[in-house]
Amino acid sequence: MSIHLLKGVVTSYGFTFVAFLVFAVILSFTNIPDSTMPGMILLISIISILFGAATCTRQASTQGWLWGGIVGLIYAGVIYLLSSFLVTGFSTPMSTLYLILSYVGTGAVGGIVGINMKK
């Protein structure tokens, strides 16, 4: 299952990367205000985790929620670690815990969807 887990995480980050590039181009060539960025970043992250978790669990036979939740946890962990190294004055507010929990929950939902997408 570890190869499927890796495939799910890579799918999540691949989708995130492409979606962020598309959003950056849209922001560059339109009059959409920059204030939409936090909401779009959250939306793109959630969709990415759903796709990644579903990809991870499509071949599984049980515990899709668990494997999907792990995909969400890894996604959140990598984002957290990168932020702690790259952002000056990084702190951990309570909202970070809620974000991590929402990523794990989103992954669990994606895992449930993926396990039920049998071919």
Protein backbone atom coordinates (compact mmCIF):
# COMPACT_ATOMS: atom_id res chain seq x y z
CA MET A 1 0.00 0.00 0.00
CA SER A 2 2.98 2.31 0.47
CA ILE A 3 3.41 2.77 -3.30
CA HIS A 4 -0.25 3.77 -3.53
CA LEU A 5 0.26 6.21 -0.68
CA LEU A 6 3.20 7.78 -2.50
CA LYS A 7 1.16 7.91 -5.70
CA GLY A 8 -1.67 9.70 -3.84
CA VAL A 9 0.63 12.31 -2.31
CA VAL A 10 2.40 12.93 -5.63
CA THR A 11 -0.98 13.27 -7.35
CA SER A 12 -2.06 15.81 -4.73
CA TYR A 13 1.03 17.94 -5.14
CA GLY A 14 0.99 17.60 -8.93
CA PHE A 15 -2.58 18.87 -9.08
CA THR A 16 -1.72 21.64 -6.62
CA PHE A 17 1.23 22.78 -8.73
CA VAL A 18 -0.74 22.88 -11.98
CA ALA A 19 -3.75 24.58 -10.37
CA PHE A 20 -1.54 27.22 -8.74
CA LEU A 21 0.11 27.95 -12.09
CA VAL A 22 -3.27 28.35 -13.77
CA PHE A 23 -4.50 30.58 -10.94
CA ALA A 24 -1.34 32.70 -11.15
CA VAL A 25 -1.86 33.23 -14.89
CA ILE A 26 -5.50 34.13 -14.31
CA LEU A 27 -4.50 36.63 -11.61
CA SER A 28 -1.87 38.14 -13.90
CA PHE A 29 -4.17 38.78 -16.84
CA THR A 30 -7.46 39.68 -15.15
CA ASN A 31 -8.73 42.19 -12.64
CA ILE A 32 -9.48 39.57 -9.98
CA PRO A 33 -8.39 41.07 -6.64
CA ASP A 34 -5.50 39.52 -4.73
CA SER A 35 -7.84 39.14 -1.76
CA THR A 36 -9.23 36.00 -3.45
CA MET A 37 -5.90 34.21 -2.97
CA PRO A 38 -6.44 32.69 0.51
CA GLY A 39 -9.78 31.21 -0.47
CA MET A 40 -8.47 29.84 -3.76
CA ILE A 41 -5.41 28.35 -2.07
CA LEU A 42 -7.67 26.53 0.40
CA LEU A 43 -10.02 25.36 -2.37
CA ILE A 44 -7.16 24.11 -4.55
CA SER A 45 -5.60 22.30 -1.59
CA ILE A 46 -8.86 20.59 -0.68
CA ILE A 47 -9.52 19.47 -4.26
CA SER A 48 -5.92 18.26 -4.52
CA ILE A 49 -6.23 16.18 -1.37
CA LEU A 50 -9.52 14.68 -2.57
CA PHE A 51 -7.91 13.61 -5.86
CA GLY A 52 -4.80 12.30 -4.14
CA ALA A 53 -6.72 10.32 -1.54
CA ALA A 54 -9.02 8.84 -4.18
CA THR A 55 -5.99 7.88 -6.28
CA CYS A 56 -4.37 6.25 -3.26
CA THR A 57 -7.37 4.15 -2.30
CA ARG A 58 -8.75 3.11 -5.68
CA GLN A 59 -6.84 -0.16 -5.50
CA ALA A 60 -7.47 -0.75 -1.77
CA SER A 61 -10.07 -3.16 -0.51
CA THR A 62 -10.56 -1.77 3.02
CA GLN A 63 -9.83 1.24 5.21
CA GLY A 64 -10.10 3.89 2.51
CA TRP A 65 -10.84 6.53 5.11
CA LEU A 66 -7.60 5.72 6.95
CA TRP A 67 -5.34 5.77 3.89
CA GLY A 68 -7.03 8.91 2.59
CA GLY A 69 -6.58 10.57 5.96
CA ILE A 70 -2.90 9.69 5.87
CA VAL A 71 -2.60 11.35 2.44
CA GLY A 72 -4.17 14.50 3.92
CA LEU A 73 -1.86 14.33 6.94
CA ILE A 74 1.26 13.98 4.79
CA TYR A 75 0.09 16.83 2.54
CA ALA A 76 -0.45 19.06 5.60
CA GLY A 77 2.84 17.96 7.19
CA VAL A 78 4.89 18.83 4.13
CA ILE A 79 3.19 22.23 3.83
CA TYR A 80 3.79 22.86 7.54
CA LEU A 81 7.47 21.91 7.36
CA LEU A 82 8.10 23.99 4.26
CA SER A 83 6.37 26.97 5.84
CA SER A 84 8.41 26.66 9.03
CA PHE A 85 11.65 26.72 7.05
CA LEU A 86 10.75 29.31 4.41
CA VAL A 87 8.55 31.85 6.22
CA THR A 88 10.31 34.36 8.43
CA GLY A 89 8.67 34.69 11.85
CA PHE A 90 6.68 31.48 11.40
CA SER A 91 4.32 30.71 14.27
CA THR A 92 1.72 28.04 14.89
CA PRO A 93 -1.66 29.57 15.62
CA MET A 94 -4.63 27.43 16.61
CA SER A 95 -6.02 27.86 13.09
CA THR A 96 -3.12 25.72 11.82
CA LEU A 97 -4.39 22.80 13.87
CA TYR A 98 -7.86 23.26 12.39
CA LEU A 99 -6.39 23.38 8.90
CA ILE A 100 -4.44 20.15 9.46
CA LEU A 101 -7.54 18.44 10.83
CA SER A 102 -9.60 19.63 7.86
CA TYR A 103 -6.95 18.26 5.47
CA VAL A 104 -7.03 14.89 7.24
CA GLY A 105 -10.86 14.89 7.13
CA THR A 106 -10.83 15.83 3.46
CA GLY A 107 -8.39 13.01 2.80
CA ALA A 108 -10.64 10.57 4.65
CA VAL A 109 -13.61 11.61 2.50
CA GLY A 110 -11.47 11.28 -0.65
CA GLY A 111 -10.36 7.84 0.54
CA ILE A 112 -13.97 6.73 0.99
CA VAL A 113 -14.81 7.98 -2.50
CA GLY A 114 -11.73 6.29 -3.97
CA ILE A 115 -12.39 2.91 -2.40
CA ASN A 116 -15.91 3.00 -3.84
CA MET A 117 -14.66 3.79 -7.37
CA LYS A 118 -13.92 0.16 -8.19
CA LYS A 119 -13.54 -0.55 -11.88
